[in-house]
Amino acid sequence: MSIYSSMQKSNKRKIEEFIRVDHAGERGAIKIYEGQLLALNTIVRNEELKKTIEHMKEHEVEHCEFFEKEIKKRGIEPTKFLPLWDLLGLGLGFGSTLLGKKAAMLCTASVEEVIDEHYLNQIKEIKNDEKSLRKKIEKFRQDEIDHKDIAYDEGATKEGLYSIFDKVIKTGSKIAINISEKI
C-alpha cells in the first residue's frame, strides 16, 4: 500500500468519524430540547422560554437531517450509543428545565461551547476534497454559536453552583464525542 493510499484511507476514516459523531451530537441536541419542552409542557410553565427552545430545536433538526443523509449516502454506521444518548439527552433537558430558566439556558450554552470548539477543529481538518461538508459544518457552527448567545441573553450564568453544572455538562459532552467518534 502506498503512502498516498494510506493517507486517503485515513482521511476517509476521519470523515466517517466526523459524520458519525456530528449525527449523534445533533440528535442529542434535539433530545435535550425535547426534554426541556417536555418539562415546559407538563411541570414548568414559561411560554417565552418554550418558543426560544422550539426555535433552536428547528436548527438542530435541520443539522441532524443533513447528517442522517450523509450517513446513508456514505454507508456509515451510526454510533451504537444512540439509544443511551437519547435517554441521557432527554434527562438532561428535562432536569435542567426543572432547575429553572438559568439552568436550562446554561445547559444550552455549555453544550454549544463544546460543539463550537468541536466543529472548529473539524473545519480545520477537513481537506479540500470535502468542501461542501466543510461549508455545512461552518454554517452549523454559526447556528450553534447563535444558540449559545441566545442562551446567555436569556439568563445562562456560570456563577456559584452553576459553574459545577457547566463543568458536568461539558465533561459529559466531551465523553460522548470521544465515544461516538469510534463506536
N, C-alpha and C. Protein backbone atom coordinates (compact mmCIF):
# COMPACT_ATOMS: atom_id res chain seq x y z
N MET A 1 0.85 -1.18 0.00
CA MET A 1 0.00 0.00 0.00
C MET A 1 0.89 1.24 0.00
N SER A 2 0.59 2.16 -0.87
CA SER A 2 1.39 3.38 -0.97
C SER A 2 1.04 4.34 0.17
N ILE A 3 1.92 5.28 0.41
CA ILE A 3 1.68 6.29 1.44
C ILE A 3 0.44 7.10 1.08
N TYR A 4 0.30 7.44 -0.21
CA TYR A 4 -0.86 8.21 -0.67
C TYR A 4 -2.16 7.45 -0.39
N SER A 5 -2.18 6.18 -0.71
CA SER A 5 -3.35 5.34 -0.49
C SER A 5 -3.68 5.25 1.00
N SER A 6 -2.65 5.14 1.81
CA SER A 6 -2.82 5.07 3.26
C SER A 6 -3.39 6.39 3.80
N MET A 7 -2.92 7.51 3.25
CA MET A 7 -3.42 8.82 3.67
C MET A 7 -4.89 8.98 3.27
N GLN A 8 -5.26 8.49 2.08
CA GLN A 8 -6.65 8.57 1.63
C GLN A 8 -7.57 7.79 2.57
N LYS A 9 -7.15 6.58 2.95
CA LYS A 9 -7.95 5.76 3.87
C LYS A 9 -8.08 6.44 5.22
N SER A 10 -6.99 7.03 5.68
CA SER A 10 -7.00 7.72 6.97
C SER A 10 -7.96 8.92 6.92
N ASN A 11 -7.92 9.68 5.83
CA ASN A 11 -8.81 10.83 5.67
C ASN A 11 -10.27 10.37 5.59
N LYS A 12 -10.53 9.29 4.85
CA LYS A 12 -11.89 8.76 4.73
C LYS A 12 -12.41 8.33 6.10
N ARG A 13 -11.58 7.66 6.87
CA ARG A 13 -11.96 7.20 8.21
C ARG A 13 -12.27 8.41 9.11
N LYS A 14 -11.46 9.45 8.99
CA LYS A 14 -11.67 10.66 9.80
C LYS A 14 -13.00 11.32 9.44
N ILE A 15 -13.31 11.41 8.16
CA ILE A 15 -14.58 11.99 7.71
C ILE A 15 -15.75 11.16 8.22
N GLU A 16 -15.61 9.84 8.18
CA GLU A 16 -16.66 8.97 8.71
C GLU A 16 -16.87 9.22 10.20
N GLU A 17 -15.77 9.39 10.94
CA GLU A 17 -15.88 9.69 12.37
C GLU A 17 -16.57 11.04 12.58
N PHE A 18 -16.21 12.03 11.78
CA PHE A 18 -16.83 13.35 11.89
C PHE A 18 -18.34 13.24 11.70
N ILE A 19 -18.74 12.56 10.66
CA ILE A 19 -20.17 12.45 10.34
C ILE A 19 -20.90 11.66 11.42
N ARG A 20 -20.29 10.56 11.87
CA ARG A 20 -20.92 9.74 12.92
C ARG A 20 -21.14 10.55 14.19
N VAL A 21 -20.10 11.25 14.64
CA VAL A 21 -20.20 12.00 15.89
C VAL A 21 -21.11 13.22 15.73
N ASP A 22 -21.07 13.87 14.58
CA ASP A 22 -21.92 15.04 14.38
C ASP A 22 -23.39 14.64 14.33
N HIS A 23 -23.67 13.51 13.70
CA HIS A 23 -25.04 12.98 13.68
C HIS A 23 -25.51 12.72 15.12
N ALA A 24 -24.67 12.04 15.90
CA ALA A 24 -25.03 11.75 17.29
C ALA A 24 -25.23 13.03 18.09
N GLY A 25 -24.35 14.00 17.88
CA GLY A 25 -24.44 15.26 18.61
C GLY A 25 -25.68 16.06 18.28
N GLU A 26 -26.01 16.13 17.00
CA GLU A 26 -27.21 16.88 16.61
C GLU A 26 -28.47 16.17 17.11
N ARG A 27 -28.45 14.86 17.04
CA ARG A 27 -29.60 14.11 17.58
C ARG A 27 -29.68 14.31 19.10
N GLY A 28 -28.53 14.33 19.76
CA GLY A 28 -28.51 14.59 21.20
C GLY A 28 -29.07 15.96 21.54
N ALA A 29 -28.74 16.95 20.73
CA ALA A 29 -29.27 18.31 20.95
C ALA A 29 -30.79 18.32 20.82
N ILE A 30 -31.29 17.61 19.84
CA ILE A 30 -32.75 17.51 19.67
C ILE A 30 -33.37 16.91 20.93
N LYS A 31 -32.75 15.85 21.44
CA LYS A 31 -33.30 15.17 22.63
C LYS A 31 -33.23 16.08 23.85
N ILE A 32 -32.16 16.86 23.98
CA ILE A 32 -32.10 17.82 25.10
C ILE A 32 -33.27 18.80 25.00
N TYR A 33 -33.47 19.35 23.80
CA TYR A 33 -34.58 20.29 23.63
C TYR A 33 -35.92 19.62 23.84
N GLU A 34 -36.07 18.37 23.40
CA GLU A 34 -37.32 17.64 23.63
C GLU A 34 -37.56 17.45 25.13
N GLY A 35 -36.49 17.16 25.89
CA GLY A 35 -36.63 17.05 27.33
C GLY A 35 -37.03 18.36 27.97
N GLN A 36 -36.43 19.45 27.48
CA GLN A 36 -36.80 20.76 28.01
C GLN A 36 -38.25 21.09 27.68
N LEU A 37 -38.66 20.78 26.47
CA LEU A 37 -40.04 21.05 26.08
C LEU A 37 -41.02 20.18 26.85
N LEU A 38 -40.64 18.94 27.14
CA LEU A 38 -41.49 18.07 27.96
C LEU A 38 -41.72 18.70 29.34
N ALA A 39 -40.65 19.18 29.94
CA ALA A 39 -40.79 19.85 31.24
C ALA A 39 -41.65 21.11 31.13
N LEU A 40 -41.45 21.86 30.05
CA LEU A 40 -42.22 23.10 29.86
C LEU A 40 -43.69 22.83 29.54
N ASN A 41 -43.98 21.68 28.99
CA ASN A 41 -45.37 21.34 28.66
C ASN A 41 -46.10 20.63 29.80
N THR A 42 -45.36 20.20 30.83
CA THR A 42 -46.01 19.42 31.89
C THR A 42 -45.88 20.05 33.28
N ILE A 43 -44.71 20.53 33.62
CA ILE A 43 -44.47 20.96 35.00
C ILE A 43 -44.17 22.46 35.10
N VAL A 44 -43.26 22.91 34.27
CA VAL A 44 -42.81 24.31 34.29
C VAL A 44 -43.58 25.06 33.21
N ARG A 45 -44.12 26.18 33.56
CA ARG A 45 -44.85 26.97 32.56
C ARG A 45 -44.09 28.25 32.26
N ASN A 46 -43.58 28.33 31.02
CA ASN A 46 -42.88 29.53 30.58
C ASN A 46 -42.97 29.55 29.05
N GLU A 47 -43.98 30.21 28.54
CA GLU A 47 -44.24 30.22 27.09
C GLU A 47 -43.11 30.88 26.31
N GLU A 48 -42.51 31.92 26.87
CA GLU A 48 -41.41 32.61 26.19
C GLU A 48 -40.21 31.68 26.03
N LEU A 49 -39.85 30.97 27.09
CA LEU A 49 -38.74 30.01 27.03
C LEU A 49 -39.07 28.88 26.06
N LYS A 50 -40.30 28.44 26.08
CA LYS A 50 -40.74 27.37 25.18
C LYS A 50 -40.54 27.78 23.72
N LYS A 51 -40.91 29.01 23.37
CA LYS A 51 -40.74 29.50 21.99
C LYS A 51 -39.26 29.56 21.62
N THR A 52 -38.43 30.02 22.56
CA THR A 52 -36.99 30.11 22.31
C THR A 52 -36.41 28.73 22.03
N ILE A 53 -36.78 27.77 22.84
CA ILE A 53 -36.27 26.40 22.68
C ILE A 53 -36.78 25.77 21.39
N GLU A 54 -38.05 25.99 21.09
CA GLU A 54 -38.60 25.44 19.83
C GLU A 54 -37.85 26.00 18.62
N HIS A 55 -37.50 27.27 18.67
CA HIS A 55 -36.76 27.90 17.58
C HIS A 55 -35.38 27.26 17.42
N MET A 56 -34.67 27.08 18.52
CA MET A 56 -33.34 26.48 18.45
C MET A 56 -33.42 25.02 18.01
N LYS A 57 -34.46 24.33 18.44
CA LYS A 57 -34.63 22.93 18.06
C LYS A 57 -34.78 22.79 16.55
N GLU A 58 -35.43 23.74 15.90
CA GLU A 58 -35.60 23.68 14.44
C GLU A 58 -34.25 23.59 13.73
N HIS A 59 -33.27 24.34 14.20
CA HIS A 59 -31.92 24.28 13.61
C HIS A 59 -31.30 22.91 13.81
N GLU A 60 -31.47 22.36 15.01
CA GLU A 60 -30.89 21.05 15.30
C GLU A 60 -31.51 19.97 14.42
N VAL A 61 -32.79 20.08 14.15
CA VAL A 61 -33.45 19.12 13.26
C VAL A 61 -32.86 19.22 11.85
N GLU A 62 -32.66 20.44 11.37
CA GLU A 62 -32.03 20.64 10.07
C GLU A 62 -30.64 20.00 10.02
N HIS A 63 -29.85 20.24 11.06
CA HIS A 63 -28.49 19.68 11.13
C HIS A 63 -28.53 18.15 11.16
N CYS A 64 -29.41 17.61 11.99
CA CYS A 64 -29.49 16.15 12.13
C CYS A 64 -29.93 15.50 10.82
N GLU A 65 -30.88 16.12 10.14
CA GLU A 65 -31.35 15.57 8.85
C GLU A 65 -30.21 15.54 7.84
N PHE A 66 -29.37 16.56 7.83
CA PHE A 66 -28.22 16.57 6.92
C PHE A 66 -27.30 15.39 7.22
N PHE A 67 -26.97 15.19 8.50
CA PHE A 67 -26.05 14.11 8.85
C PHE A 67 -26.70 12.74 8.66
N GLU A 68 -28.01 12.64 8.84
CA GLU A 68 -28.73 11.38 8.53
C GLU A 68 -28.52 11.02 7.06
N LYS A 69 -28.68 12.00 6.19
CA LYS A 69 -28.49 11.77 4.76
C LYS A 69 -27.06 11.37 4.44
N GLU A 70 -26.10 12.03 5.08
CA GLU A 70 -24.69 11.71 4.85
C GLU A 70 -24.36 10.30 5.31
N ILE A 71 -24.91 9.89 6.43
CA ILE A 71 -24.69 8.53 6.93
C ILE A 71 -25.20 7.50 5.92
N LYS A 72 -26.40 7.74 5.41
CA LYS A 72 -26.98 6.81 4.43
C LYS A 72 -26.21 6.83 3.11
N LYS A 73 -25.92 8.02 2.63
CA LYS A 73 -25.23 8.18 1.35
C LYS A 73 -23.85 7.53 1.37
N ARG A 74 -23.14 7.66 2.47
CA ARG A 74 -21.76 7.18 2.57
C ARG A 74 -21.65 5.79 3.20
N GLY A 75 -22.77 5.22 3.62
CA GLY A 75 -22.75 3.90 4.23
C GLY A 75 -22.00 3.85 5.56
N ILE A 76 -22.19 4.88 6.37
CA ILE A 76 -21.52 4.98 7.66
C ILE A 76 -22.43 4.39 8.74
N GLU A 77 -21.83 3.63 9.61
CA GLU A 77 -22.57 3.06 10.74
C GLU A 77 -22.73 4.13 11.82
N PRO A 78 -23.98 4.45 12.24
CA PRO A 78 -24.16 5.42 13.33
C PRO A 78 -23.56 4.85 14.63
N THR A 79 -23.33 5.72 15.59
CA THR A 79 -22.83 5.24 16.87
C THR A 79 -23.80 4.25 17.49
N LYS A 80 -23.27 3.24 18.10
CA LYS A 80 -24.10 2.23 18.75
C LYS A 80 -24.71 2.77 20.05
N PHE A 81 -24.26 3.94 20.46
CA PHE A 81 -24.73 4.53 21.71
C PHE A 81 -25.94 5.46 21.54
N LEU A 82 -26.51 5.54 20.33
CA LEU A 82 -27.64 6.46 20.11
C LEU A 82 -28.77 6.28 21.14
N PRO A 83 -29.20 5.05 21.45
CA PRO A 83 -30.28 4.93 22.44
C PRO A 83 -29.91 5.50 23.81
N LEU A 84 -28.66 5.30 24.22
CA LEU A 84 -28.22 5.86 25.51
C LEU A 84 -28.16 7.38 25.44
N TRP A 85 -27.59 7.91 24.34
CA TRP A 85 -27.51 9.37 24.21
C TRP A 85 -28.91 9.98 24.19
N ASP A 86 -29.86 9.30 23.53
CA ASP A 86 -31.24 9.80 23.51
C ASP A 86 -31.79 9.93 24.93
N LEU A 87 -31.61 8.88 25.70
CA LEU A 87 -32.11 8.85 27.07
C LEU A 87 -31.44 9.92 27.93
N LEU A 88 -30.12 10.00 27.83
CA LEU A 88 -29.38 11.00 28.61
C LEU A 88 -29.73 12.43 28.19
N GLY A 89 -29.91 12.63 26.88
CA GLY A 89 -30.29 13.96 26.40
C GLY A 89 -31.65 14.38 26.92
N LEU A 90 -32.62 13.48 26.84
CA LEU A 90 -33.96 13.78 27.38
C LEU A 90 -33.88 14.12 28.87
N GLY A 91 -33.12 13.29 29.60
CA GLY A 91 -32.99 13.53 31.04
C GLY A 91 -32.31 14.84 31.36
N LEU A 92 -31.25 15.15 30.64
CA LEU A 92 -30.54 16.41 30.86
C LEU A 92 -31.45 17.60 30.56
N GLY A 93 -32.16 17.54 29.44
CA GLY A 93 -33.07 18.63 29.10
C GLY A 93 -34.18 18.80 30.11
N PHE A 94 -34.80 17.70 30.48
CA PHE A 94 -35.90 17.74 31.45
C PHE A 94 -35.40 18.24 32.80
N GLY A 95 -34.31 17.64 33.27
CA GLY A 95 -33.78 18.01 34.58
C GLY A 95 -33.29 19.45 34.66
N SER A 96 -32.62 19.90 33.62
CA SER A 96 -32.12 21.27 33.64
C SER A 96 -33.27 22.27 33.68
N THR A 97 -34.35 21.95 33.01
CA THR A 97 -35.50 22.86 32.99
C THR A 97 -36.23 22.86 34.33
N LEU A 98 -36.26 21.72 35.00
CA LEU A 98 -36.85 21.69 36.34
C LEU A 98 -36.08 22.57 37.31
N LEU A 99 -34.78 22.72 37.07
CA LEU A 99 -33.95 23.57 37.93
C LEU A 99 -34.17 25.07 37.68
N GLY A 100 -34.86 25.40 36.59
CA GLY A 100 -35.16 26.80 36.31
C GLY A 100 -34.59 27.26 34.98
N LYS A 101 -35.00 28.45 34.60
CA LYS A 101 -34.62 29.01 33.31
C LYS A 101 -33.10 29.17 33.18
N LYS A 102 -32.44 29.65 34.24
CA LYS A 102 -30.98 29.83 34.17
C LYS A 102 -30.27 28.51 33.90
N ALA A 103 -30.71 27.46 34.56
CA ALA A 103 -30.09 26.14 34.36
C ALA A 103 -30.39 25.60 32.97
N ALA A 104 -31.62 25.78 32.51
CA ALA A 104 -31.98 25.31 31.16
C ALA A 104 -31.13 26.02 30.11
N MET A 105 -30.96 27.32 30.27
CA MET A 105 -30.18 28.08 29.30
C MET A 105 -28.68 27.79 29.44
N LEU A 106 -28.23 27.52 30.66
CA LEU A 106 -26.83 27.14 30.84
C LEU A 106 -26.56 25.79 30.17
N CYS A 107 -27.52 24.90 30.22
CA CYS A 107 -27.39 23.61 29.54
C CYS A 107 -27.10 23.85 28.06
N THR A 108 -27.88 24.71 27.43
CA THR A 108 -27.66 25.04 26.02
C THR A 108 -26.29 25.69 25.83
N ALA A 109 -25.98 26.69 26.63
CA ALA A 109 -24.70 27.41 26.47
C ALA A 109 -23.51 26.47 26.63
N SER A 110 -23.56 25.60 27.62
CA SER A 110 -22.43 24.69 27.89
C SER A 110 -22.23 23.71 26.75
N VAL A 111 -23.31 23.12 26.30
CA VAL A 111 -23.21 22.17 25.17
C VAL A 111 -22.70 22.90 23.94
N GLU A 112 -23.24 24.06 23.65
CA GLU A 112 -22.86 24.79 22.44
C GLU A 112 -21.40 25.25 22.49
N GLU A 113 -20.88 25.56 23.66
CA GLU A 113 -19.47 25.93 23.75
C GLU A 113 -18.57 24.76 23.38
N VAL A 114 -18.95 23.56 23.80
CA VAL A 114 -18.19 22.37 23.42
C VAL A 114 -18.31 22.12 21.93
N ILE A 115 -19.51 22.27 21.39
CA ILE A 115 -19.74 22.00 19.97
C ILE A 115 -19.05 23.04 19.09
N ASP A 116 -19.03 24.27 19.53
CA ASP A 116 -18.31 25.32 18.79
C ASP A 116 -16.86 24.91 18.59
N GLU A 117 -16.20 24.53 19.66
CA GLU A 117 -14.80 24.10 19.59
C GLU A 117 -14.66 22.83 18.75
N HIS A 118 -15.57 21.90 18.94
CA HIS A 118 -15.56 20.63 18.20
C HIS A 118 -15.68 20.87 16.69
N TYR A 119 -16.66 21.68 16.30
CA TYR A 119 -16.83 21.98 14.87
C TYR A 119 -15.64 22.75 14.31
N LEU A 120 -15.10 23.68 15.08
CA LEU A 120 -13.94 24.45 14.61
C LEU A 120 -12.77 23.51 14.32
N ASN A 121 -12.53 22.55 15.21
CA ASN A 121 -11.46 21.57 14.99
C ASN A 121 -11.71 20.76 13.72
N GLN A 122 -12.95 20.36 13.49
CA GLN A 122 -13.27 19.61 12.28
C GLN A 122 -13.04 20.46 11.03
N ILE A 123 -13.48 21.70 11.07
CA ILE A 123 -13.32 22.59 9.92
C ILE A 123 -11.84 22.71 9.54
N LYS A 124 -10.98 22.81 10.53
CA LYS A 124 -9.54 22.90 10.28
C LYS A 124 -8.97 21.63 9.66
N GLU A 125 -9.57 20.48 9.95
CA GLU A 125 -9.04 19.20 9.49
C GLU A 125 -9.61 18.72 8.16
N ILE A 126 -10.75 19.26 7.76
CA ILE A 126 -11.39 18.78 6.53
C ILE A 126 -10.63 19.28 5.32
N LYS A 127 -10.27 18.36 4.46
CA LYS A 127 -9.48 18.67 3.25
C LYS A 127 -10.37 19.26 2.15
N ASN A 128 -9.73 19.77 1.13
CA ASN A 128 -10.44 20.42 0.02
C ASN A 128 -11.36 19.49 -0.76
N ASP A 129 -11.12 18.17 -0.68
CA ASP A 129 -11.99 17.25 -1.40
C ASP A 129 -13.36 17.10 -0.72
N GLU A 130 -13.53 17.74 0.43
CA GLU A 130 -14.81 17.71 1.15
C GLU A 130 -15.30 19.13 1.44
N LYS A 131 -15.17 20.01 0.43
CA LYS A 131 -15.54 21.42 0.62
C LYS A 131 -17.01 21.60 1.01
N SER A 132 -17.91 20.83 0.40
CA SER A 132 -19.33 21.00 0.71
C SER A 132 -19.63 20.58 2.15
N LEU A 133 -18.98 19.53 2.63
CA LEU A 133 -19.15 19.12 4.03
C LEU A 133 -18.62 20.21 4.95
N ARG A 134 -17.45 20.75 4.63
CA ARG A 134 -16.87 21.82 5.45
C ARG A 134 -17.81 23.03 5.50
N LYS A 135 -18.38 23.41 4.36
CA LYS A 135 -19.30 24.56 4.32
C LYS A 135 -20.52 24.33 5.22
N LYS A 136 -21.06 23.11 5.17
CA LYS A 136 -22.21 22.78 6.03
C LYS A 136 -21.83 22.89 7.50
N ILE A 137 -20.70 22.33 7.86
CA ILE A 137 -20.27 22.37 9.26
C ILE A 137 -20.00 23.81 9.69
N GLU A 138 -19.47 24.64 8.80
CA GLU A 138 -19.27 26.06 9.12
C GLU A 138 -20.61 26.73 9.40
N LYS A 139 -21.61 26.44 8.58
CA LYS A 139 -22.94 27.01 8.78
C LYS A 139 -23.55 26.52 10.09
N PHE A 140 -23.44 25.21 10.35
CA PHE A 140 -23.99 24.64 11.58
C PHE A 140 -23.28 25.21 12.80
N ARG A 141 -21.97 25.41 12.70
CA ARG A 141 -21.22 26.00 13.80
C ARG A 141 -21.75 27.40 14.13
N GLN A 142 -22.03 28.18 13.10
CA GLN A 142 -22.58 29.51 13.34
C GLN A 142 -23.94 29.43 14.03
N ASP A 143 -24.78 28.48 13.61
CA ASP A 143 -26.07 28.28 14.30
C ASP A 143 -25.85 27.98 15.78
N GLU A 144 -24.87 27.13 16.07
CA GLU A 144 -24.60 26.76 17.47
C GLU A 144 -24.08 27.95 18.27
N ILE A 145 -23.25 28.77 17.65
CA ILE A 145 -22.78 30.00 18.31
C ILE A 145 -23.97 30.91 18.60
N ASP A 146 -24.88 31.01 17.64
CA ASP A 146 -26.09 31.82 17.84
C ASP A 146 -26.91 31.29 19.01
N HIS A 147 -27.03 29.96 19.12
CA HIS A 147 -27.79 29.36 20.23
C HIS A 147 -27.12 29.70 21.57
N LYS A 148 -25.79 29.62 21.60
CA LYS A 148 -25.06 29.96 22.83
C LYS A 148 -25.34 31.42 23.21
N ASP A 149 -25.28 32.30 22.23
CA ASP A 149 -25.54 33.72 22.50
C ASP A 149 -26.96 33.95 23.01
N ILE A 150 -27.91 33.26 22.40
CA ILE A 150 -29.31 33.35 22.86
C ILE A 150 -29.41 32.89 24.31
N ALA A 151 -28.74 31.77 24.62
CA ALA A 151 -28.79 31.23 25.99
C ALA A 151 -28.27 32.24 27.01
N TYR A 152 -27.17 32.90 26.69
CA TYR A 152 -26.65 33.90 27.62
C TYR A 152 -27.57 35.12 27.69
N ASP A 153 -28.14 35.50 26.56
CA ASP A 153 -29.10 36.62 26.57
C ASP A 153 -30.32 36.29 27.42
N GLU A 154 -30.66 35.00 27.48
CA GLU A 154 -31.85 34.55 28.22
C GLU A 154 -31.54 34.21 29.69
N GLY A 155 -30.31 34.44 30.13
CA GLY A 155 -30.02 34.30 31.56
C GLY A 155 -29.05 33.21 31.97
N ALA A 156 -28.46 32.49 31.03
CA ALA A 156 -27.46 31.48 31.40
C ALA A 156 -26.35 32.15 32.19
N THR A 157 -25.88 31.47 33.21
CA THR A 157 -24.81 32.01 34.05
C THR A 157 -23.94 30.87 34.55
N LYS A 158 -22.68 31.18 34.84
CA LYS A 158 -21.77 30.20 35.42
C LYS A 158 -21.39 30.60 36.84
N GLU A 159 -22.16 31.49 37.43
CA GLU A 159 -21.88 31.96 38.78
C GLU A 159 -22.32 30.93 39.81
N GLY A 160 -21.59 30.86 40.90
CA GLY A 160 -21.96 29.99 42.00
C GLY A 160 -21.99 28.52 41.60
N LEU A 161 -23.02 27.82 42.04
CA LEU A 161 -23.16 26.40 41.76
C LEU A 161 -23.35 26.10 40.27
N TYR A 162 -23.77 27.10 39.52
CA TYR A 162 -23.93 26.89 38.07
C TYR A 162 -22.59 26.53 37.41
N SER A 163 -21.48 26.97 38.02
CA SER A 163 -20.17 26.63 37.45
C SER A 163 -19.93 25.12 37.49
N ILE A 164 -20.43 24.46 38.52
CA ILE A 164 -20.30 23.00 38.62
C ILE A 164 -21.16 22.34 37.55
N PHE A 165 -22.37 22.83 37.39
CA PHE A 165 -23.29 22.30 36.38
C PHE A 165 -22.66 22.44 34.99
N ASP A 166 -22.04 23.58 34.72
CA ASP A 166 -21.35 23.81 33.45
C ASP A 166 -20.27 22.76 33.21
N LYS A 167 -19.46 22.51 34.22
CA LYS A 167 -18.35 21.54 34.09
C LYS A 167 -18.88 20.13 33.86
N VAL A 168 -19.95 19.76 34.55
CA VAL A 168 -20.54 18.43 34.40
C VAL A 168 -21.07 18.25 32.97
N ILE A 169 -21.78 19.24 32.47
CA ILE A 169 -22.34 19.16 31.11
C ILE A 169 -21.21 19.09 30.08
N LYS A 170 -20.21 19.93 30.23
CA LYS A 170 -19.11 19.94 29.26
C LYS A 170 -18.33 18.63 29.29
N THR A 171 -18.09 18.11 30.47
CA THR A 171 -17.37 16.83 30.58
C THR A 171 -18.18 15.72 29.93
N GLY A 172 -19.46 15.66 30.23
CA GLY A 172 -20.32 14.65 29.62
C GLY A 172 -20.37 14.77 28.11
N SER A 173 -20.42 15.98 27.61
CA SER A 173 -20.45 16.20 26.16
C SER A 173 -19.16 15.72 25.51
N LYS A 174 -18.04 16.02 26.13
CA LYS A 174 -16.74 15.61 25.57
C LYS A 174 -16.59 14.09 25.60
N ILE A 175 -17.06 13.46 26.65
CA ILE A 175 -17.02 11.99 26.72
C ILE A 175 -17.88 11.39 25.61
N ALA A 176 -19.08 11.92 25.43
CA ALA A 176 -19.98 11.43 24.38
C ALA A 176 -19.34 11.60 22.99
N ILE A 177 -18.67 12.71 22.77
CA ILE A 177 -18.00 12.95 21.50
C ILE A 177 -16.92 11.89 21.27
N ASN A 178 -16.08 11.68 22.26
CA ASN A 178 -14.98 10.71 22.10
C ASN A 178 -15.50 9.30 21.84
N ILE A 179 -16.53 8.91 22.53
CA ILE A 179 -17.10 7.57 22.32
C ILE A 179 -17.76 7.47 20.96
N SER A 180 -18.54 8.47 20.60
CA SER A 180 -19.32 8.40 19.34
C SER A 180 -18.44 8.44 18.09
N GLU A 181 -17.27 9.04 18.19
CA GLU A 181 -16.36 9.03 17.04
C GLU A 181 -15.95 7.61 16.67
N LYS A 182 -15.76 6.77 17.68
CA LYS A 182 -15.16 5.46 17.46
C LYS A 182 -16.16 4.31 17.43
N ILE A 183 -17.22 4.41 18.19
CA ILE A 183 -18.13 3.26 18.35
C ILE A 183 -19.53 3.60 17.85
